[in-house]
Structure formats: structure tokens, C-alpha cells
Amino acid sequence: MSLSSCHMLWYLHLCADNGIVVVDYVDDACGVMIEDDNGGGRFVQVTLRPRVKLRTGGDVTLIEALHRRAHDLCFIANSVNFPVLCEPSLEFLTVSPV
């Protein structure tokens, strides 16, 4: 969850800085762990699967690039000794004014 939260916070920050409106963000992260002979274990890979709903009108190339930038900036992802993958999915919503 810490990897997922760190990525999300960076992504939301980068979106806000670029005027991209995120309407909803849910991550279905999954980790692969191996156990050792002593009953302990360690992660060998984590895959983040953020499902992001955005207001229609944003630059799709930028929106996707911001996931890569968030990954590069995430201090937790930079601190672990296993791969952290990111497989985002995007949905664009038309949000009508209230």
C-alpha cells in the first residue's frame, strides 16, 4: 500500500500542476512474494494498476507521461530492491457544471 499511496500522491500532484482534473483514482496493486525456508519472505515484484477517471479534454500523452514521472519521483519505489511496474488505465468523463 505504501508504494501505491506514494505513486498516487505524486501523480495527483503532477496532474494538479498541469491543470489535469482527476475525478477518481483507485489502485488495485498486486505483489509477488517468495517465502524462504525460515518462514520469512520478501517481495520480488509489485504491479500498480491505477484506474484513473479524468475530466475530458486533457492531453492523453501528458496524462500517461505523468504516471512515468510519478514513478520516477516515488521515494518508496526508488528505495525497494525489486521491480515496481505500473499499468494504468484511463477513463475520461464529461463533468457538467453545477
PDB file of N, CA and C in Angstrom:
ATOM      1  N   MET A   1       0.816  -1.197   0.000  1.00  0.00           N
ATOM      2  CA  MET A   1       0.000   0.000   0.000  1.00  0.00           C
ATOM      3  C   MET A   1       0.857   1.258   0.000  1.00  0.00           C
ATOM      4  N   SER A   2       2.018   1.194   0.612  1.00  0.00           N
ATOM      5  CA  SER A   2       2.867   2.387   0.636  1.00  0.00           C
ATOM      6  C   SER A   2       3.341   2.750  -0.766  1.00  0.00           C
ATOM      7  N   LEU A   3       3.662   1.753  -1.581  1.00  0.00           N
ATOM      8  CA  LEU A   3       4.048   2.031  -2.966  1.00  0.00           C
ATOM      9  C   LEU A   3       2.892   2.660  -3.728  1.00  0.00           C
ATOM     10  N   SER A   4       1.712   2.097  -3.554  1.00  0.00           N
ATOM     11  CA  SER A   4       0.523   2.595  -4.231  1.00  0.00           C
ATOM     12  C   SER A   4       0.212   4.031  -3.805  1.00  0.00           C
ATOM     13  N   SER A   5       0.269   4.288  -2.506  1.00  0.00           N
ATOM     14  CA  SER A   5      -0.037   5.633  -1.989  1.00  0.00           C
ATOM     15  C   SER A   5       0.975   6.665  -2.460  1.00  0.00           C
ATOM     16  N   CYS A   6       2.245   6.299  -2.451  1.00  0.00           N
ATOM     17  CA  CYS A   6       3.280   7.234  -2.888  1.00  0.00           C
ATOM     18  C   CYS A   6       3.089   7.601  -4.362  1.00  0.00           C
ATOM     19  N   HIS A   7       2.831   6.579  -5.189  1.00  0.00           N
ATOM     20  CA  HIS A   7       2.603   6.837  -6.612  1.00  0.00           C
ATOM     21  C   HIS A   7       1.384   7.737  -6.811  1.00  0.00           C
ATOM     22  N   MET A   8       0.305   7.417  -6.092  1.00  0.00           N
ATOM     23  CA  MET A   8      -0.922   8.199  -6.234  1.00  0.00           C
ATOM     24  C   MET A   8      -0.691   9.666  -5.859  1.00  0.00           C
ATOM     25  N   LEU A   9      -0.017   9.899  -4.733  1.00  0.00           N
ATOM     26  CA  LEU A   9       0.200  11.286  -4.296  1.00  0.00           C
ATOM     27  C   LEU A   9       1.040  12.061  -5.295  1.00  0.00           C
ATOM     28  N   TRP A  10       2.090  11.439  -5.820  1.00  0.00           N
ATOM     29  CA  TRP A  10       2.896  12.118  -6.838  1.00  0.00           C
ATOM     30  C   TRP A  10       2.067  12.368  -8.099  1.00  0.00           C
ATOM     31  N   TYR A  11       1.295  11.370  -8.516  1.00  0.00           N
ATOM     32  CA  TYR A  11       0.507  11.517  -9.739  1.00  0.00           C
ATOM     33  C   TYR A  11      -0.515  12.641  -9.594  1.00  0.00           C
ATOM     34  N   LEU A  12      -1.222  12.667  -8.475  1.00  0.00           N
ATOM     35  CA  LEU A  12      -2.213  13.727  -8.257  1.00  0.00           C
ATOM     36  C   LEU A  12      -1.554  15.097  -8.208  1.00  0.00           C
ATOM     37  N   HIS A  13      -0.400  15.181  -7.586  1.00  0.00           N
ATOM     38  CA  HIS A  13       0.342  16.446  -7.532  1.00  0.00           C
ATOM     39  C   HIS A  13       0.728  16.901  -8.943  1.00  0.00           C
ATOM     40  N   LEU A  14       1.275  15.991  -9.729  1.00  0.00           N
ATOM     41  CA  LEU A  14       1.693  16.333 -11.085  1.00  0.00           C
ATOM     42  C   LEU A  14       0.501  16.718 -11.957  1.00  0.00           C
ATOM     43  N   CYS A  15      -0.616  16.021 -11.793  1.00  0.00           N
ATOM     44  CA  CYS A  15      -1.821  16.380 -12.540  1.00  0.00           C
ATOM     45  C   CYS A  15      -2.283  17.786 -12.170  1.00  0.00           C
ATOM     46  N   ALA A  16      -2.315  18.077 -10.867  1.00  0.00           N
ATOM     47  CA  ALA A  16      -2.739  19.408 -10.416  1.00  0.00           C
ATOM     48  C   ALA A  16      -1.822  20.489 -10.985  1.00  0.00           C
ATOM     49  N   ASP A  17      -0.527  20.247 -10.973  1.00  0.00           N
ATOM     50  CA  ASP A  17       0.428  21.218 -11.518  1.00  0.00           C
ATOM     51  C   ASP A  17       0.211  21.464 -13.005  1.00  0.00           C
ATOM     52  N   ASN A  18      -0.335  20.459 -13.702  1.00  0.00           N
ATOM     53  CA  ASN A  18      -0.529  20.567 -15.149  1.00  0.00           C
ATOM     54  C   ASN A  18      -1.972  20.843 -15.543  1.00  0.00           C
ATOM     55  N   GLY A  19      -2.817  21.180 -14.576  1.00  0.00           N
ATOM     56  CA  GLY A  19      -4.202  21.530 -14.873  1.00  0.00           C
ATOM     57  C   GLY A  19      -5.070  20.370 -15.301  1.00  0.00           C
ATOM     58  N   ILE A  20      -4.671  19.158 -14.946  1.00  0.00           N
ATOM     59  CA  ILE A  20      -5.436  17.967 -15.291  1.00  0.00           C
ATOM     60  C   ILE A  20      -6.335  17.630 -14.110  1.00  0.00           C
ATOM     61  N   VAL A  21      -7.627  17.501 -14.379  1.00  0.00           N
ATOM     62  CA  VAL A  21      -8.599  17.265 -13.315  1.00  0.00           C
ATOM     63  C   VAL A  21      -8.858  15.765 -13.164  1.00  0.00           C
ATOM     64  N   VAL A  22      -8.454  15.228 -12.028  1.00  0.00           N
ATOM     65  CA  VAL A  22      -8.701  13.827 -11.705  1.00  0.00           C
ATOM     66  C   VAL A  22      -9.998  13.760 -10.907  1.00  0.00           C
ATOM     67  N   VAL A  23     -10.932  12.971 -11.401  1.00  0.00           N
ATOM     68  CA  VAL A  23     -12.241  12.832 -10.774  1.00  0.00           C
ATOM     69  C   VAL A  23     -12.248  11.662  -9.780  1.00  0.00           C
ATOM     70  N   ASP A  24     -11.523  10.590 -10.093  1.00  0.00           N
ATOM     71  CA  ASP A  24     -11.469   9.425  -9.211  1.00  0.00           C
ATOM     72  C   ASP A  24     -10.163   8.681  -9.479  1.00  0.00           C
ATOM     73  N   TYR A  25      -9.657   8.028  -8.440  1.00  0.00           N
ATOM     74  CA  TYR A  25      -8.403   7.285  -8.544  1.00  0.00           C
ATOM     75  C   TYR A  25      -8.497   6.082  -7.615  1.00  0.00           C
ATOM     76  N   VAL A  26      -8.373   4.877  -8.174  1.00  0.00           N
ATOM     77  CA  VAL A  26      -8.402   3.642  -7.395  1.00  0.00           C
ATOM     78  C   VAL A  26      -7.267   2.764  -7.911  1.00  0.00           C
ATOM     79  N   ASP A  27      -6.511   2.159  -7.000  1.00  0.00           N
ATOM     80  CA  ASP A  27      -5.416   1.284  -7.414  1.00  0.00           C
ATOM     81  C   ASP A  27      -5.684  -0.130  -6.928  1.00  0.00           C
ATOM     82  N   ASP A  28      -5.483  -1.079  -7.814  1.00  0.00           N
ATOM     83  CA  ASP A  28      -5.609  -2.496  -7.489  1.00  0.00           C
ATOM     84  C   ASP A  28      -4.215  -3.110  -7.570  1.00  0.00           C
ATOM     85  N   ALA A  29      -3.333  -2.681  -6.654  1.00  0.00           N
ATOM     86  CA  ALA A  29      -1.943  -3.134  -6.664  1.00  0.00           C
ATOM     87  C   ALA A  29      -1.853  -4.612  -6.303  1.00  0.00           C
ATOM     88  N   CYS A  30      -0.825  -5.267  -6.824  1.00  0.00           N
ATOM     89  CA  CYS A  30      -0.623  -6.688  -6.572  1.00  0.00           C
ATOM     90  C   CYS A  30       0.871  -6.934  -6.400  1.00  0.00           C
ATOM     91  N   GLY A  31       1.227  -7.693  -5.356  1.00  0.00           N
ATOM     92  CA  GLY A  31       2.629  -8.009  -5.118  1.00  0.00           C
ATOM     93  C   GLY A  31       2.885  -9.493  -5.210  1.00  0.00           C
ATOM     94  N   VAL A  32       4.096  -9.833  -5.642  1.00  0.00           N
ATOM     95  CA  VAL A  32       4.535 -11.218  -5.687  1.00  0.00           C
ATOM     96  C   VAL A  32       5.600 -11.376  -4.607  1.00  0.00           C
ATOM     97  N   MET A  33       5.380 -12.345  -3.724  1.00  0.00           N
ATOM     98  CA  MET A  33       6.294 -12.571  -2.616  1.00  0.00           C
ATOM     99  C   MET A  33       6.765 -14.019  -2.634  1.00  0.00           C
ATOM    100  N   ILE A  34       8.014 -14.227  -2.262  1.00  0.00           N
ATOM    101  CA  ILE A  34       8.512 -15.593  -2.108  1.00  0.00           C
ATOM    102  C   ILE A  34       8.833 -15.815  -0.629  1.00  0.00           C
ATOM    103  N   GLU A  35       8.629 -17.038  -0.189  1.00  0.00           N
ATOM    104  CA  GLU A  35       8.932 -17.390   1.190  1.00  0.00           C
ATOM    105  C   GLU A  35      10.271 -18.116   1.238  1.00  0.00           C
ATOM    106  N   ASP A  36      11.013 -17.877   2.321  1.00  0.00           N
ATOM    107  CA  ASP A  36      12.267 -18.602   2.496  1.00  0.00           C
ATOM    108  C   ASP A  36      12.041 -19.798   3.423  1.00  0.00           C
ATOM    109  N   ASP A  37      13.082 -20.578   3.634  1.00  0.00           N
ATOM    110  CA  ASP A  37      12.971 -21.804   4.431  1.00  0.00           C
ATOM    111  C   ASP A  37      12.658 -21.541   5.897  1.00  0.00           C
ATOM    112  N   ASN A  38      12.916 -20.330   6.383  1.00  0.00           N
ATOM    113  CA  ASN A  38      12.663 -19.986   7.783  1.00  0.00           C
ATOM    114  C   ASN A  38      11.248 -19.485   8.020  1.00  0.00           C
ATOM    115  N   GLY A  39      10.438 -19.438   6.984  1.00  0.00           N
ATOM    116  CA  GLY A  39       9.071 -18.946   7.120  1.00  0.00           C
ATOM    117  C   GLY A  39       8.931 -17.464   6.835  1.00  0.00           C
ATOM    118  N   GLY A  40      10.042 -16.781   6.644  1.00  0.00           N
ATOM    119  CA  GLY A  40      10.008 -15.362   6.268  1.00  0.00           C
ATOM    120  C   GLY A  40       9.825 -15.235   4.771  1.00  0.00           C
ATOM    121  N   GLY A  41       9.919 -14.040   4.281  1.00  0.00           N
ATOM    122  CA  GLY A  41       9.777 -13.852   2.845  1.00  0.00           C
ATOM    123  C   GLY A  41      10.144 -12.460   2.415  1.00  0.00           C
ATOM    124  N   ARG A  42      10.016 -12.253   1.131  1.00  0.00           N
ATOM    125  CA  ARG A  42      10.310 -10.933   0.573  1.00  0.00           C
ATOM    126  C   ARG A  42       9.548 -10.770  -0.733  1.00  0.00           C
ATOM    127  N   PHE A  43       9.262  -9.525  -1.033  1.00  0.00           N
ATOM    128  CA  PHE A  43       8.631  -9.215  -2.309  1.00  0.00           C
ATOM    129  C   PHE A  43       9.671  -9.306  -3.413  1.00  0.00           C
ATOM    130  N   VAL A  44       9.248  -9.790  -4.562  1.00  0.00           N
ATOM    131  CA  VAL A  44      10.127  -9.842  -5.723  1.00  0.00           C
ATOM    132  C   VAL A  44       9.597  -8.966  -6.856  1.00  0.00           C
ATOM    133  N   GLN A  45       8.340  -8.506  -6.731  1.00  0.00           N
ATOM    134  CA  GLN A  45       7.766  -7.598  -7.730  1.00  0.00           C
ATOM    135  C   GLN A  45       6.442  -7.058  -7.210  1.00  0.00           C
ATOM    136  N   VAL A  46       6.161  -5.816  -7.556  1.00  0.00           N
ATOM    137  CA  VAL A  46       4.854  -5.218  -7.277  1.00  0.00           C
ATOM    138  C   VAL A  46       4.366  -4.565  -8.558  1.00  0.00           C
ATOM    139  N   THR A  47       3.098  -4.753  -8.855  1.00  0.00           N
ATOM    140  CA  THR A  47       2.487  -4.105 -10.013  1.00  0.00           C
ATOM    141  C   THR A  47       1.366  -3.196  -9.513  1.00  0.00           C
ATOM    142  N   LEU A  48       1.486  -1.926  -9.843  1.00  0.00           N
ATOM    143  CA  LEU A  48       0.432  -0.954  -9.549  1.00  0.00           C
ATOM    144  C   LEU A  48      -0.519  -0.938 -10.738  1.00  0.00           C
ATOM    145  N   ARG A  49      -1.817  -0.897 -10.441  1.00  0.00           N
ATOM    146  CA  ARG A  49      -2.829  -0.870 -11.504  1.00  0.00           C
ATOM    147  C   ARG A  49      -3.835   0.245 -11.238  1.00  0.00           C
ATOM    148  N   PRO A  50      -3.352   1.496 -11.297  1.00  0.00           N
ATOM    149  CA  PRO A  50      -4.280   2.598 -11.031  1.00  0.00           C
ATOM    150  C   PRO A  50      -5.327   2.736 -12.127  1.00  0.00           C
ATOM    151  N   ARG A  51      -6.572   2.872 -11.679  1.00  0.00           N
ATOM    152  CA  ARG A  51      -7.685   3.174 -12.587  1.00  0.00           C
ATOM    153  C   ARG A  51      -8.057   4.625 -12.314  1.00  0.00           C
ATOM    154  N   VAL A  52      -7.805   5.465 -13.301  1.00  0.00           N
ATOM    155  CA  VAL A  52      -7.947   6.904 -13.115  1.00  0.00           C
ATOM    156  C   VAL A  52      -9.078   7.424 -13.990  1.00  0.00           C
ATOM    157  N   LYS A  53     -10.002   8.154 -13.363  1.00  0.00           N
ATOM    158  CA  LYS A  53     -11.059   8.842 -14.104  1.00  0.00           C
ATOM    159  C   LYS A  53     -10.692  10.312 -14.140  1.00  0.00           C
ATOM    160  N   LEU A  54     -10.698  10.864 -15.352  1.00  0.00           N
ATOM    161  CA  LEU A  54     -10.281  12.246 -15.567  1.00  0.00           C
ATOM    162  C   LEU A  54     -11.352  13.018 -16.314  1.00  0.00           C
ATOM    163  N   ARG A  55     -11.333  14.326 -16.121  1.00  0.00           N
ATOM    164  CA  ARG A  55     -12.226  15.180 -16.886  1.00  0.00           C
ATOM    165  C   ARG A  55     -11.759  15.188 -18.336  1.00  0.00           C
ATOM    166  N   THR A  56     -12.709  15.080 -19.251  1.00  0.00           N
ATOM    167  CA  THR A  56     -12.412  15.093 -20.676  1.00  0.00           C
ATOM    168  C   THR A  56     -11.709  16.392 -21.057  1.00  0.00           C
ATOM    169  N   GLY A  57     -10.765  16.269 -21.981  1.00  0.00           N
ATOM    170  CA  GLY A  57     -10.106  17.454 -22.512  1.00  0.00           C
ATOM    171  C   GLY A  57      -8.620  17.519 -22.236  1.00  0.00           C
ATOM    172  N   GLY A  58      -8.104  16.603 -21.418  1.00  0.00           N
ATOM    173  CA  GLY A  58      -6.682  16.610 -21.119  1.00  0.00           C
ATOM    174  C   GLY A  58      -5.858  15.984 -22.230  1.00  0.00           C
ATOM    175  N   ASP A  59      -4.591  16.305 -22.246  1.00  0.00           N
ATOM    176  CA  ASP A  59      -3.632  15.767 -23.215  1.00  0.00           C
ATOM    177  C   ASP A  59      -3.283  14.336 -22.799  1.00  0.00           C
ATOM    178  N   VAL A  60      -3.738  13.348 -23.563  1.00  0.00           N
ATOM    179  CA  VAL A  60      -3.565  11.941 -23.210  1.00  0.00           C
ATOM    180  C   VAL A  60      -2.085  11.582 -23.103  1.00  0.00           C
ATOM    181  N   THR A  61      -1.274  12.087 -24.004  1.00  0.00           N
ATOM    182  CA  THR A  61       0.162  11.795 -23.961  1.00  0.00           C
ATOM    183  C   THR A  61       0.772  12.303 -22.655  1.00  0.00           C
ATOM    184  N   LEU A  62       0.407  13.506 -22.241  1.00  0.00           N
ATOM    185  CA  LEU A  62       0.903  14.065 -20.987  1.00  0.00           C
ATOM    186  C   LEU A  62       0.377  13.266 -19.797  1.00  0.00           C
ATOM    187  N   ILE A  63      -0.898  12.936 -19.828  1.00  0.00           N
ATOM    188  CA  ILE A  63      -1.518  12.184 -18.724  1.00  0.00           C
ATOM    189  C   ILE A  63      -0.796  10.860 -18.523  1.00  0.00           C
ATOM    190  N   GLU A  64      -0.464  10.172 -19.583  1.00  0.00           N
ATOM    191  CA  GLU A  64       0.271   8.910 -19.478  1.00  0.00           C
ATOM    192  C   GLU A  64       1.700   9.147 -19.020  1.00  0.00           C
ATOM    193  N   ALA A  65       2.337  10.191 -19.525  1.00  0.00           N
ATOM    194  CA  ALA A  65       3.719  10.511 -19.143  1.00  0.00           C
ATOM    195  C   ALA A  65       3.820  10.849 -17.658  1.00  0.00           C
ATOM    196  N   LEU A  66       2.772  11.433 -17.104  1.00  0.00           N
ATOM    197  CA  LEU A  66       2.803  11.787 -15.684  1.00  0.00           C
ATOM    198  C   LEU A  66       2.846  10.542 -14.792  1.00  0.00           C
ATOM    199  N   HIS A  67       2.317   9.428 -15.242  1.00  0.00           N
ATOM    200  CA  HIS A  67       2.455   8.179 -14.488  1.00  0.00           C
ATOM    201  C   HIS A  67       3.925   7.763 -14.440  1.00  0.00           C
ATOM    202  N   ARG A  68       4.608   7.887 -15.561  1.00  0.00           N
ATOM    203  CA  ARG A  68       6.025   7.535 -15.580  1.00  0.00           C
ATOM    204  C   ARG A  68       6.827   8.484 -14.693  1.00  0.00           C
ATOM    205  N   ARG A  69       6.488   9.771 -14.735  1.00  0.00           N
ATOM    206  CA  ARG A  69       7.184  10.756 -13.896  1.00  0.00           C
ATOM    207  C   ARG A  69       6.906  10.500 -12.416  1.00  0.00           C
ATOM    208  N   ALA A  70       5.665  10.178 -12.072  1.00  0.00           N
ATOM    209  CA  ALA A  70       5.321   9.864 -10.682  1.00  0.00           C
ATOM    210  C   ALA A  70       6.133   8.665 -10.208  1.00  0.00           C
ATOM    211  N   HIS A  71       6.280   7.684 -11.057  1.00  0.00           N
ATOM    212  CA  HIS A  71       7.081   6.504 -10.703  1.00  0.00           C
ATOM    213  C   HIS A  71       8.537   6.900 -10.451  1.00  0.00           C
ATOM    214  N   ASP A  72       9.082   7.750 -11.302  1.00  0.00           N
ATOM    215  CA  ASP A  72      10.470   8.192 -11.139  1.00  0.00           C
ATOM    216  C   ASP A  72      10.676   8.979  -9.846  1.00  0.00           C
ATOM    217  N   LEU A  73       9.653   9.716  -9.409  1.00  0.00           N
ATOM    218  CA  LEU A  73       9.768  10.560  -8.221  1.00  0.00           C
ATOM    219  C   LEU A  73       9.443   9.835  -6.916  1.00  0.00           C
ATOM    220  N   CYS A  74       8.765   8.707  -6.993  1.00  0.00           N
ATOM    221  CA  CYS A  74       8.312   7.997  -5.791  1.00  0.00           C
ATOM    222  C   CYS A  74       9.508   7.494  -4.985  1.00  0.00           C
ATOM    223  N   PHE A  75       9.683   8.063  -3.797  1.00  0.00           N
ATOM    224  CA  PHE A  75      10.841   7.699  -2.985  1.00  0.00           C
ATOM    225  C   PHE A  75      10.767   6.260  -2.490  1.00  0.00           C
ATOM    226  N   ILE A  76       9.574   5.718  -2.346  1.00  0.00           N
ATOM    227  CA  ILE A  76       9.460   4.328  -1.903  1.00  0.00           C
ATOM    228  C   ILE A  76       9.847   3.389  -3.044  1.00  0.00           C
ATOM    229  N   ALA A  77       9.340   3.642  -4.246  1.00  0.00           N
ATOM    230  CA  ALA A  77       9.712   2.814  -5.399  1.00  0.00           C
ATOM    231  C   ALA A  77      11.216   2.876  -5.652  1.00  0.00           C
ATOM    232  N   ASN A  78      11.819   4.019  -5.359  1.00  0.00           N
ATOM    233  CA  ASN A  78      13.268   4.165  -5.535  1.00  0.00           C
ATOM    234  C   ASN A  78      14.065   3.510  -4.413  1.00  0.00           C
ATOM    235  N   SER A  79      13.392   3.069  -3.360  1.00  0.00           N
ATOM    236  CA  SER A  79      14.078   2.507  -2.202  1.00  0.00           C
ATOM    237  C   SER A  79      14.007   0.988  -2.112  1.00  0.00           C
ATOM    238  N   VAL A  80      13.149   0.372  -2.888  1.00  0.00           N
ATOM    239  CA  VAL A  80      12.997  -1.076  -2.792  1.00  0.00           C
ATOM    240  C   VAL A  80      13.944  -1.776  -3.761  1.00  0.00           C
ATOM    241  N   ASN A  81      14.219  -3.051  -3.472  1.00  0.00           N
ATOM    242  CA  ASN A  81      15.183  -3.794  -4.290  1.00  0.00           C
ATOM    243  C   ASN A  81      14.496  -4.796  -5.227  1.00  0.00           C
ATOM    244  N   PHE A  82      13.315  -4.437  -5.683  1.00  0.00           N
ATOM    245  CA  PHE A  82      12.580  -5.279  -6.626  1.00  0.00           C
ATOM    246  C   PHE A  82      11.852  -4.368  -7.604  1.00  0.00           C
ATOM    247  N   PRO A  83      11.469  -4.899  -8.767  1.00  0.00           N
ATOM    248  CA  PRO A  83      10.786  -4.075  -9.761  1.00  0.00           C
ATOM    249  C   PRO A  83       9.388  -3.651  -9.296  1.00  0.00           C
ATOM    250  N   VAL A  84       9.061  -2.414  -9.600  1.00  0.00           N
ATOM    251  CA  VAL A  84       7.714  -1.887  -9.383  1.00  0.00           C
ATOM    252  C   VAL A  84       7.193  -1.476 -10.758  1.00  0.00           C
ATOM    253  N   LEU A  85       6.186  -2.174 -11.213  1.00  0.00           N
ATOM    254  CA  LEU A  85       5.596  -1.909 -12.530  1.00  0.00           C
ATOM    255  C   LEU A  85       4.342  -1.068 -12.351  1.00  0.00           C
ATOM    256  N   CYS A  86       3.960  -0.368 -13.407  1.00  0.00           N
ATOM    257  CA  CYS A  86       2.750   0.447 -13.356  1.00  0.00           C
ATOM    258  C   CYS A  86       1.959   0.217 -14.642  1.00  0.00           C
ATOM    259  N   GLU A  87       0.706  -0.208 -14.460  1.00  0.00           N
ATOM    260  CA  GLU A  87      -0.190  -0.494 -15.587  1.00  0.00           C
ATOM    261  C   GLU A  87      -1.465   0.331 -15.424  1.00  0.00           C
ATOM    262  N   PRO A  88      -1.393   1.622 -15.720  1.00  0.00           N
ATOM    263  CA  PRO A  88      -2.565   2.468 -15.512  1.00  0.00           C
ATOM    264  C   PRO A  88      -3.630   2.258 -16.579  1.00  0.00           C
ATOM    265  N   SER A  89      -4.877   2.500 -16.184  1.00  0.00           N
ATOM    266  CA  SER A  89      -5.968   2.577 -17.153  1.00  0.00           C
ATOM    267  C   SER A  89      -6.650   3.929 -16.942  1.00  0.00           C
ATOM    268  N   LEU A  90      -7.067   4.513 -18.045  1.00  0.00           N
ATOM    269  CA  LEU A  90      -7.645   5.853 -18.017  1.00  0.00           C
ATOM    270  C   LEU A  90      -9.082   5.814 -18.522  1.00  0.00           C
ATOM    271  N   GLU A  91      -9.909   6.626 -17.888  1.00  0.00           N
ATOM    272  CA  GLU A  91     -11.291   6.810 -18.347  1.00  0.00           C
ATOM    273  C   GLU A  91     -11.562   8.305 -18.309  1.00  0.00           C
ATOM    274  N   PHE A  92     -12.145   8.818 -19.374  1.00  0.00           N
ATOM    275  CA  PHE A  92     -12.428  10.249 -19.457  1.00  0.00           C
ATOM    276  C   PHE A  92     -13.920  10.492 -19.287  1.00  0.00           C
ATOM    277  N   LEU A  93     -14.252  11.418 -18.412  1.00  0.00           N
ATOM    278  CA  LEU A  93     -15.637  11.727 -18.092  1.00  0.00           C
ATOM    279  C   LEU A  93     -15.937  13.175 -18.469  1.00  0.00           C
ATOM    280  N   THR A  94     -17.125  13.381 -18.951  1.00  0.00           N
ATOM    281  CA  THR A  94     -17.608  14.744 -19.161  1.00  0.00           C
ATOM    282  C   THR A  94     -18.289  15.150 -17.868  1.00  0.00           C
ATOM    283  N   VAL A  95     -17.740  16.159 -17.220  1.00  0.00           N
ATOM    284  CA  VAL A  95     -18.297  16.641 -15.948  1.00  0.00           C
ATOM    285  C   VAL A  95     -19.038  17.928 -16.232  1.00  0.00           C
ATOM    286  N   SER A  96     -20.345  17.913 -16.001  1.00  0.00           N
ATOM    287  CA  SER A  96     -21.139  19.101 -16.275  1.00  0.00           C
ATOM    288  C   SER A  96     -21.060  20.056 -15.087  1.00  0.00           C
ATOM    289  N   PRO A  97     -21.081  21.360 -15.357  1.00  0.00           N
ATOM    290  CA  PRO A  97     -21.027  22.335 -14.267  1.00  0.00           C
ATOM    291  C   PRO A  97     -22.290  22.252 -13.412  1.00  0.00           C
ATOM    292  N   VAL A  98     -22.134  22.557 -12.161  1.00  0.00           N
ATOM    293  CA  VAL A  98     -23.272  22.507 -11.223  1.00  0.00           C
ATOM    294  C   VAL A  98     -24.032  23.798 -11.239  1.00  0.00           C
TER     295      VAL A  98
END
